[in-house]
N, C-alpha and C. Protein backbone atom coordinates (compact mmCIF):
# COMPACT_ATOMS: atom_id res chain seq x y z
N UNK A 1 84.42 -53.35 49.66
CA UNK A 1 85.74 -54.04 49.23
C UNK A 1 85.51 -55.21 48.45
N UNK A 2 86.43 -55.13 47.41
CA UNK A 2 86.66 -56.31 46.69
C UNK A 2 87.34 -57.63 47.26
N UNK A 3 86.74 -58.62 47.01
CA UNK A 3 87.29 -59.94 47.78
C UNK A 3 88.29 -60.34 46.63
N UNK A 4 89.13 -61.24 47.04
CA UNK A 4 90.05 -62.11 46.05
C UNK A 4 89.28 -62.88 45.16
N UNK A 5 88.06 -63.60 45.63
CA UNK A 5 87.41 -64.28 44.82
C UNK A 5 86.56 -63.15 43.72
N UNK A 6 86.17 -62.30 44.10
CA UNK A 6 85.36 -60.94 43.18
C UNK A 6 86.40 -60.60 42.26
N UNK A 7 87.94 -60.51 42.39
CA UNK A 7 89.05 -60.06 41.56
C UNK A 7 89.05 -61.12 40.58
N UNK A 8 89.09 -62.40 41.02
CA UNK A 8 89.59 -63.77 40.38
C UNK A 8 88.12 -64.10 39.32
N UNK A 9 87.26 -63.59 39.46
CA UNK A 9 85.96 -63.75 38.65
C UNK A 9 86.00 -62.34 37.81
N UNK A 10 86.37 -61.29 38.08
CA UNK A 10 86.64 -60.29 36.90
C UNK A 10 87.87 -60.60 35.87
N UNK A 11 88.74 -61.39 36.53
CA UNK A 11 89.78 -61.56 35.81
C UNK A 11 89.83 -62.69 34.70
N UNK A 12 88.80 -63.56 35.19
CA UNK A 12 88.31 -64.49 34.14
C UNK A 12 87.11 -63.92 33.01
N UNK A 13 86.51 -63.20 33.36
CA UNK A 13 85.72 -62.41 32.60
C UNK A 13 86.59 -61.53 31.36
N UNK A 14 87.75 -61.06 31.92
CA UNK A 14 88.42 -60.22 30.93
C UNK A 14 89.22 -61.40 30.40
N UNK A 15 89.71 -62.46 30.75
CA UNK A 15 90.28 -63.13 30.12
C UNK A 15 89.51 -64.07 29.14
N UNK A 16 88.23 -64.37 29.17
CA UNK A 16 87.38 -64.83 28.19
C UNK A 16 87.07 -63.75 26.85
N UNK A 17 87.04 -62.24 27.33
CA UNK A 17 87.06 -61.41 26.37
C UNK A 17 88.39 -61.33 25.44
N UNK A 18 89.36 -61.44 26.10
CA UNK A 18 90.64 -61.55 25.39
C UNK A 18 90.81 -62.63 24.51
N UNK A 19 90.44 -63.70 24.88
CA UNK A 19 90.47 -64.89 24.15
C UNK A 19 89.37 -64.76 22.88
N UNK A 20 88.17 -63.90 22.93
CA UNK A 20 87.10 -63.65 22.13
C UNK A 20 88.05 -62.72 21.00
N UNK A 21 88.86 -61.62 21.50
CA UNK A 21 89.26 -60.84 20.69
C UNK A 21 90.42 -61.61 20.10
N UNK A 22 91.17 -62.40 20.59
CA UNK A 22 92.33 -63.18 19.86
C UNK A 22 91.40 -63.80 18.60
N UNK A 23 90.27 -64.63 18.87
CA UNK A 23 89.74 -65.23 17.79
C UNK A 23 89.33 -64.41 16.65
N UNK A 24 88.63 -63.35 17.08
CA UNK A 24 88.38 -62.50 15.89
C UNK A 24 89.41 -61.84 15.12
N UNK A 25 90.46 -61.57 15.53
CA UNK A 25 91.28 -60.82 15.20
C UNK A 25 92.51 -61.80 14.12
N UNK A 26 92.60 -62.94 14.80
CA UNK A 26 93.43 -64.13 14.00
C UNK A 26 92.59 -64.11 12.83
N UNK A 27 91.72 -64.28 12.62
CA UNK A 27 90.93 -64.12 11.21
C UNK A 27 91.04 -63.41 10.19
N UNK A 28 91.22 -62.01 10.47
CA UNK A 28 91.47 -61.02 9.92
C UNK A 28 92.94 -60.97 8.93
N UNK A 29 92.95 -61.20 7.75
CA UNK A 29 94.15 -61.10 7.07
C UNK A 29 95.20 -59.81 6.95
N UNK A 30 94.51 -58.90 7.29
CA UNK A 30 95.19 -57.34 7.18
C UNK A 30 95.67 -56.93 8.57
N UNK A 31 95.41 -57.85 9.56
CA UNK A 31 95.87 -57.62 10.92
C UNK A 31 97.26 -58.52 11.14
N UNK A 32 98.19 -57.98 11.66
CA UNK A 32 99.42 -58.77 11.92
C UNK A 32 99.26 -59.89 13.15
N UNK A 33 99.53 -61.06 12.79
CA UNK A 33 99.39 -62.24 13.75
C UNK A 33 99.68 -61.65 15.07
N UNK A 34 100.78 -60.73 15.09
CA UNK A 34 101.35 -60.76 16.55
C UNK A 34 100.50 -59.86 17.51
N UNK A 35 99.47 -59.10 16.92
CA UNK A 35 98.46 -58.54 17.55
C UNK A 35 97.15 -59.33 18.08
N UNK A 36 96.83 -59.96 17.15
CA UNK A 36 96.20 -61.21 17.80
C UNK A 36 96.67 -62.02 18.83
N UNK A 37 97.95 -62.52 18.55
CA UNK A 37 98.53 -63.53 19.69
C UNK A 37 98.71 -62.71 20.99
N UNK A 38 98.80 -61.34 21.00
CA UNK A 38 98.77 -60.53 22.12
C UNK A 38 97.81 -60.94 22.83
N UNK A 39 96.47 -60.84 22.54
CA UNK A 39 95.18 -61.17 23.19
C UNK A 39 95.06 -62.29 23.85
N UNK A 40 95.65 -63.49 22.78
CA UNK A 40 96.06 -64.97 23.55
C UNK A 40 96.66 -64.76 25.04
N UNK A 41 97.92 -63.83 24.96
CA UNK A 41 99.06 -63.94 25.78
C UNK A 41 98.07 -63.38 26.94
N UNK A 42 97.42 -62.36 26.75
CA UNK A 42 96.64 -61.63 27.52
C UNK A 42 95.91 -62.46 28.58
N UNK A 43 94.94 -63.27 27.60
CA UNK A 43 94.02 -64.03 27.89
C UNK A 43 94.74 -65.03 29.17
N UNK A 44 95.98 -65.77 28.95
CA UNK A 44 96.55 -66.60 29.62
C UNK A 44 97.00 -65.91 30.75
N UNK A 45 97.52 -64.79 30.79
CA UNK A 45 98.24 -64.02 31.67
C UNK A 45 97.11 -63.80 32.88
N UNK A 46 95.69 -63.57 32.19
CA UNK A 46 94.73 -63.01 33.35
C UNK A 46 94.11 -64.50 33.85
N UNK A 47 94.30 -65.64 33.22
CA UNK A 47 93.88 -66.99 33.95
C UNK A 47 94.83 -67.29 34.99
N UNK A 48 96.13 -67.17 34.78
CA UNK A 48 97.21 -67.36 35.75
C UNK A 48 96.77 -66.48 37.19
N UNK A 49 96.48 -65.11 36.85
CA UNK A 49 96.26 -64.31 37.82
C UNK A 49 94.95 -64.64 38.71
N UNK A 50 94.06 -64.96 38.10
CA UNK A 50 92.65 -65.49 38.72
C UNK A 50 92.88 -66.33 39.68
N UNK A 51 93.58 -67.64 38.89
CA UNK A 51 93.90 -68.39 39.82
C UNK A 51 95.04 -67.93 41.19
N UNK A 52 95.89 -67.01 41.00
CA UNK A 52 96.57 -66.68 41.87
C UNK A 52 95.92 -66.16 43.08
N UNK A 53 94.67 -65.26 42.54
CA UNK A 53 93.60 -64.58 43.64
C UNK A 53 92.74 -65.61 44.24
N UNK A 54 92.39 -66.60 43.68
CA UNK A 54 91.45 -67.53 44.08
C UNK A 54 92.53 -68.38 45.32
N UNK A 55 93.76 -68.67 44.98
CA UNK A 55 94.47 -69.22 46.24
C UNK A 55 95.06 -68.27 47.17
N UNK A 56 94.50 -66.91 46.89
CA UNK A 56 95.02 -65.90 48.02
C UNK A 56 96.79 -65.74 47.84
N UNK A 57 97.25 -65.96 46.66
CA UNK A 57 98.96 -65.61 46.45
C UNK A 57 99.01 -64.43 45.68
N UNK A 58 99.85 -63.70 46.62
CA UNK A 58 100.02 -62.24 46.33
C UNK A 58 101.09 -62.31 45.03
N UNK A 59 100.93 -61.46 44.17
CA UNK A 59 101.87 -61.26 43.09
C UNK A 59 101.99 -59.99 42.55
N UNK A 60 103.13 -59.40 41.90
CA UNK A 60 103.38 -58.07 41.34
C UNK A 60 102.73 -57.97 40.17
N UNK A 61 102.66 -56.80 39.88
CA UNK A 61 102.17 -56.54 38.51
C UNK A 61 103.31 -57.01 37.33
N UNK A 62 103.00 -57.58 36.67
CA UNK A 62 103.80 -58.26 35.28
C UNK A 62 103.21 -58.94 34.15
N UNK A 63 103.74 -58.77 33.27
CA UNK A 63 103.12 -59.53 31.90
C UNK A 63 103.93 -60.94 31.82
N UNK A 64 104.85 -61.35 32.97
CA UNK A 64 105.50 -62.43 32.60
C UNK A 64 105.04 -63.71 32.68
N UNK A 65 104.59 -64.64 32.05
CA UNK A 65 103.93 -65.67 32.48
C UNK A 65 104.82 -66.87 32.96
N UNK A 66 105.91 -66.57 32.98
CA UNK A 66 106.74 -67.72 33.70
C UNK A 66 106.80 -67.30 35.42
N UNK A 67 106.80 -66.03 35.57
CA UNK A 67 106.91 -65.55 36.75
C UNK A 67 105.40 -65.94 37.64
N UNK A 68 104.37 -65.71 36.89
CA UNK A 68 102.97 -66.17 37.60
C UNK A 68 102.86 -67.66 37.64
N UNK A 69 103.30 -68.34 36.59
CA UNK A 69 103.31 -69.84 36.62
C UNK A 69 104.06 -70.47 37.62
N UNK A 70 105.40 -69.57 38.06
CA UNK A 70 106.11 -70.02 39.05
C UNK A 70 105.77 -69.96 40.27
N UNK A 71 104.88 -68.93 40.53
CA UNK A 71 104.32 -68.54 41.97
C UNK A 71 103.31 -69.81 42.14
N UNK A 72 102.31 -70.17 41.17
CA UNK A 72 101.58 -70.96 41.48
C UNK A 72 102.15 -72.69 41.67
N UNK A 73 103.18 -73.08 40.71
CA UNK A 73 104.00 -74.10 41.14
C UNK A 73 104.50 -74.22 42.37
N UNK A 74 105.07 -73.00 42.70
CA UNK A 74 105.69 -73.21 44.04
C UNK A 74 104.53 -73.59 45.20
N UNK A 75 103.33 -73.21 44.99
CA UNK A 75 102.46 -73.48 45.82
C UNK A 75 101.63 -74.53 45.66
N UNK A 76 102.33 -75.59 44.76
CA UNK A 76 101.66 -76.84 44.66
C UNK A 76 100.81 -77.14 43.65
N UNK A 77 100.28 -76.01 42.93
CA UNK A 77 99.35 -75.87 41.90
C UNK A 77 99.92 -76.17 40.54
N UNK A 78 99.45 -77.38 39.90
CA UNK A 78 99.94 -77.83 38.67
C UNK A 78 99.25 -77.14 37.36
N UNK A 79 100.10 -76.58 36.49
CA UNK A 79 99.41 -75.90 35.33
C UNK A 79 98.98 -76.78 34.33
N UNK A 80 98.00 -76.71 33.64
CA UNK A 80 97.74 -77.80 32.42
C UNK A 80 98.45 -77.45 31.37
N UNK A 81 99.26 -76.66 31.24
CA UNK A 81 100.42 -76.57 29.99
C UNK A 81 101.86 -76.50 30.48
N UNK A 82 102.54 -76.62 29.67
CA UNK A 82 104.06 -76.84 29.79
C UNK A 82 104.81 -75.46 29.93
N UNK A 83 106.05 -75.52 30.37
CA UNK A 83 106.84 -74.32 30.40
C UNK A 83 107.06 -73.93 29.06
N UNK A 84 107.24 -74.96 27.97
CA UNK A 84 107.53 -74.64 26.88
C UNK A 84 106.20 -74.09 25.92
N UNK A 85 105.13 -74.29 26.44
CA UNK A 85 103.99 -73.58 25.75
C UNK A 85 104.18 -72.04 26.02
N UNK A 86 104.31 -71.96 27.40
CA UNK A 86 104.26 -70.56 27.94
C UNK A 86 105.58 -69.82 27.15
N UNK A 87 106.83 -70.58 26.87
CA UNK A 87 107.72 -69.93 26.13
C UNK A 87 107.39 -69.29 24.80
N UNK A 88 106.57 -70.10 24.18
CA UNK A 88 106.00 -69.63 22.73
C UNK A 88 105.22 -68.54 22.94
N UNK A 89 104.28 -68.40 24.02
CA UNK A 89 103.31 -67.36 24.20
C UNK A 89 103.90 -65.92 24.87
N UNK A 90 104.81 -66.25 25.58
CA UNK A 90 105.36 -65.31 26.67
C UNK A 90 105.84 -63.94 25.86
N UNK A 91 106.76 -63.98 24.76
CA UNK A 91 107.18 -62.90 23.73
C UNK A 91 105.91 -61.84 23.35
N UNK A 92 104.76 -62.36 23.22
CA UNK A 92 103.63 -61.43 22.45
C UNK A 92 103.16 -60.55 23.55
N UNK A 93 103.52 -60.63 24.78
CA UNK A 93 103.14 -59.55 25.70
C UNK A 93 103.67 -58.35 25.43
N UNK A 94 104.90 -58.12 25.08
CA UNK A 94 105.50 -56.97 24.89
C UNK A 94 106.69 -57.04 23.48
N UNK A 95 107.52 -57.83 23.75
CA UNK A 95 108.38 -57.81 22.45
C UNK A 95 107.91 -57.82 21.01
N UNK A 96 107.01 -58.91 20.92
CA UNK A 96 106.51 -58.90 19.59
C UNK A 96 105.72 -58.13 19.18
N UNK A 97 105.07 -57.41 20.28
CA UNK A 97 103.66 -56.51 19.97
C UNK A 97 104.20 -55.22 19.22
N UNK A 98 105.36 -54.97 19.24
CA UNK A 98 105.91 -53.52 18.86
C UNK A 98 106.58 -53.85 17.35
N UNK A 99 106.89 -55.24 17.11
CA UNK A 99 107.81 -55.37 15.93
C UNK A 99 107.07 -55.26 14.66
N UNK A 100 107.79 -54.93 13.42
CA UNK A 100 107.25 -54.71 12.17
C UNK A 100 106.96 -55.98 11.85
N UNK A 101 107.89 -56.76 11.51
CA UNK A 101 108.00 -58.32 10.93
C UNK A 101 107.89 -59.05 12.27
N UNK A 102 107.08 -59.94 12.43
CA UNK A 102 107.19 -61.09 13.33
C UNK A 102 106.90 -62.33 12.68
N UNK A 103 107.42 -63.22 12.79
CA UNK A 103 107.11 -64.53 12.31
C UNK A 103 106.94 -65.29 13.42
N UNK A 104 105.38 -65.78 13.47
CA UNK A 104 104.91 -66.53 14.73
C UNK A 104 105.87 -67.66 15.03
N UNK A 105 106.26 -68.15 16.00
CA UNK A 105 106.88 -69.29 16.25
C UNK A 105 105.91 -70.59 16.65
N UNK A 106 104.48 -70.18 16.71
CA UNK A 106 103.52 -71.18 17.11
C UNK A 106 102.18 -70.65 16.10
N UNK A 107 101.58 -72.04 15.85
CA UNK A 107 100.57 -71.68 15.09
C UNK A 107 99.08 -71.36 15.74
N UNK A 108 98.51 -70.64 14.84
CA UNK A 108 97.08 -70.11 15.39
C UNK A 108 96.48 -71.26 16.30
N UNK A 109 96.25 -72.26 15.60
CA UNK A 109 95.58 -73.49 16.27
C UNK A 109 96.19 -73.90 17.45
N UNK A 110 97.76 -73.78 17.63
CA UNK A 110 98.28 -74.03 18.97
C UNK A 110 97.90 -73.31 20.04
N UNK A 111 98.08 -72.00 19.81
CA UNK A 111 97.96 -70.74 20.60
C UNK A 111 96.22 -70.87 21.00
N UNK A 112 95.23 -70.91 20.13
CA UNK A 112 93.88 -71.05 20.57
C UNK A 112 93.54 -72.25 21.49
N UNK A 113 94.28 -73.25 21.38
CA UNK A 113 94.24 -74.54 22.09
C UNK A 113 94.82 -74.22 23.64
N UNK A 114 95.88 -73.55 23.64
CA UNK A 114 96.56 -73.20 24.73
C UNK A 114 95.91 -72.42 25.57
N UNK A 115 95.21 -71.25 25.04
CA UNK A 115 94.52 -70.16 25.53
C UNK A 115 93.35 -70.81 25.81
N UNK A 116 92.50 -71.73 25.32
CA UNK A 116 91.21 -72.34 25.71
C UNK A 116 91.59 -73.31 26.94
N UNK A 117 92.49 -73.80 26.96
CA UNK A 117 92.75 -74.88 27.81
C UNK A 117 93.30 -74.05 29.44
N UNK A 118 94.00 -72.93 29.10
CA UNK A 118 94.06 -72.30 30.38
C UNK A 118 92.91 -71.55 30.81
N UNK A 119 91.90 -71.16 30.09
CA UNK A 119 90.54 -70.55 30.39
C UNK A 119 89.82 -71.60 31.28
N UNK A 120 89.65 -72.77 30.66
CA UNK A 120 88.71 -73.87 30.83
C UNK A 120 89.55 -74.26 32.36
N UNK A 121 90.87 -74.46 32.60
CA UNK A 121 91.64 -74.76 33.90
C UNK A 121 91.47 -73.70 35.16
N UNK A 122 91.44 -72.52 34.40
CA UNK A 122 91.02 -71.61 35.66
C UNK A 122 89.42 -71.15 36.01
N UNK A 123 88.61 -71.72 35.08
CA UNK A 123 87.06 -71.59 35.29
C UNK A 123 86.99 -72.72 36.26
N UNK A 124 87.53 -74.05 36.12
CA UNK A 124 87.42 -75.15 37.07
C UNK A 124 87.87 -74.74 38.14
N UNK A 125 89.00 -73.63 38.68
CA UNK A 125 89.31 -73.60 39.95
C UNK A 125 88.42 -73.05 40.70
N UNK A 126 87.31 -72.67 40.26
CA UNK A 126 86.17 -72.07 41.08
C UNK A 126 85.20 -73.06 41.59
N UNK A 127 85.45 -74.03 41.09
CA UNK A 127 84.25 -75.53 41.58
C UNK A 127 84.53 -75.51 43.07
N UNK A 128 83.48 -75.42 43.72
CA UNK A 128 83.14 -75.73 45.23
C UNK A 128 83.53 -74.21 45.93
N UNK A 129 83.76 -73.05 45.08
CA UNK A 129 83.87 -71.84 45.84
C UNK A 129 82.90 -71.13 45.95
């Protein structure tokens, strides 16, 4: 049987993989930025879910960063990024992924910084466990 901590570790590994995919794709000029940004969004989503698992907080299957973050905040857990940052990344989960022409609302550097910050935060949630 998989424990919540095992699931959290698995989600963190997947989050690191998605961040690596973002970095690789973001440097390719023939790839739409929205496709690369999708992987950053996925990394952030998995970080949020990992911390939810660590805290034993149930959540439904969703790609909505707001919903996941709200569950953590209601449990008294402070996120290292703002709701505004989530607002910039959240649409890349679904809406922007299928568009032909997407103008990013956030720079590659900002996306990488947000995703890296979230991964560091989620990994730190394991300290002492």
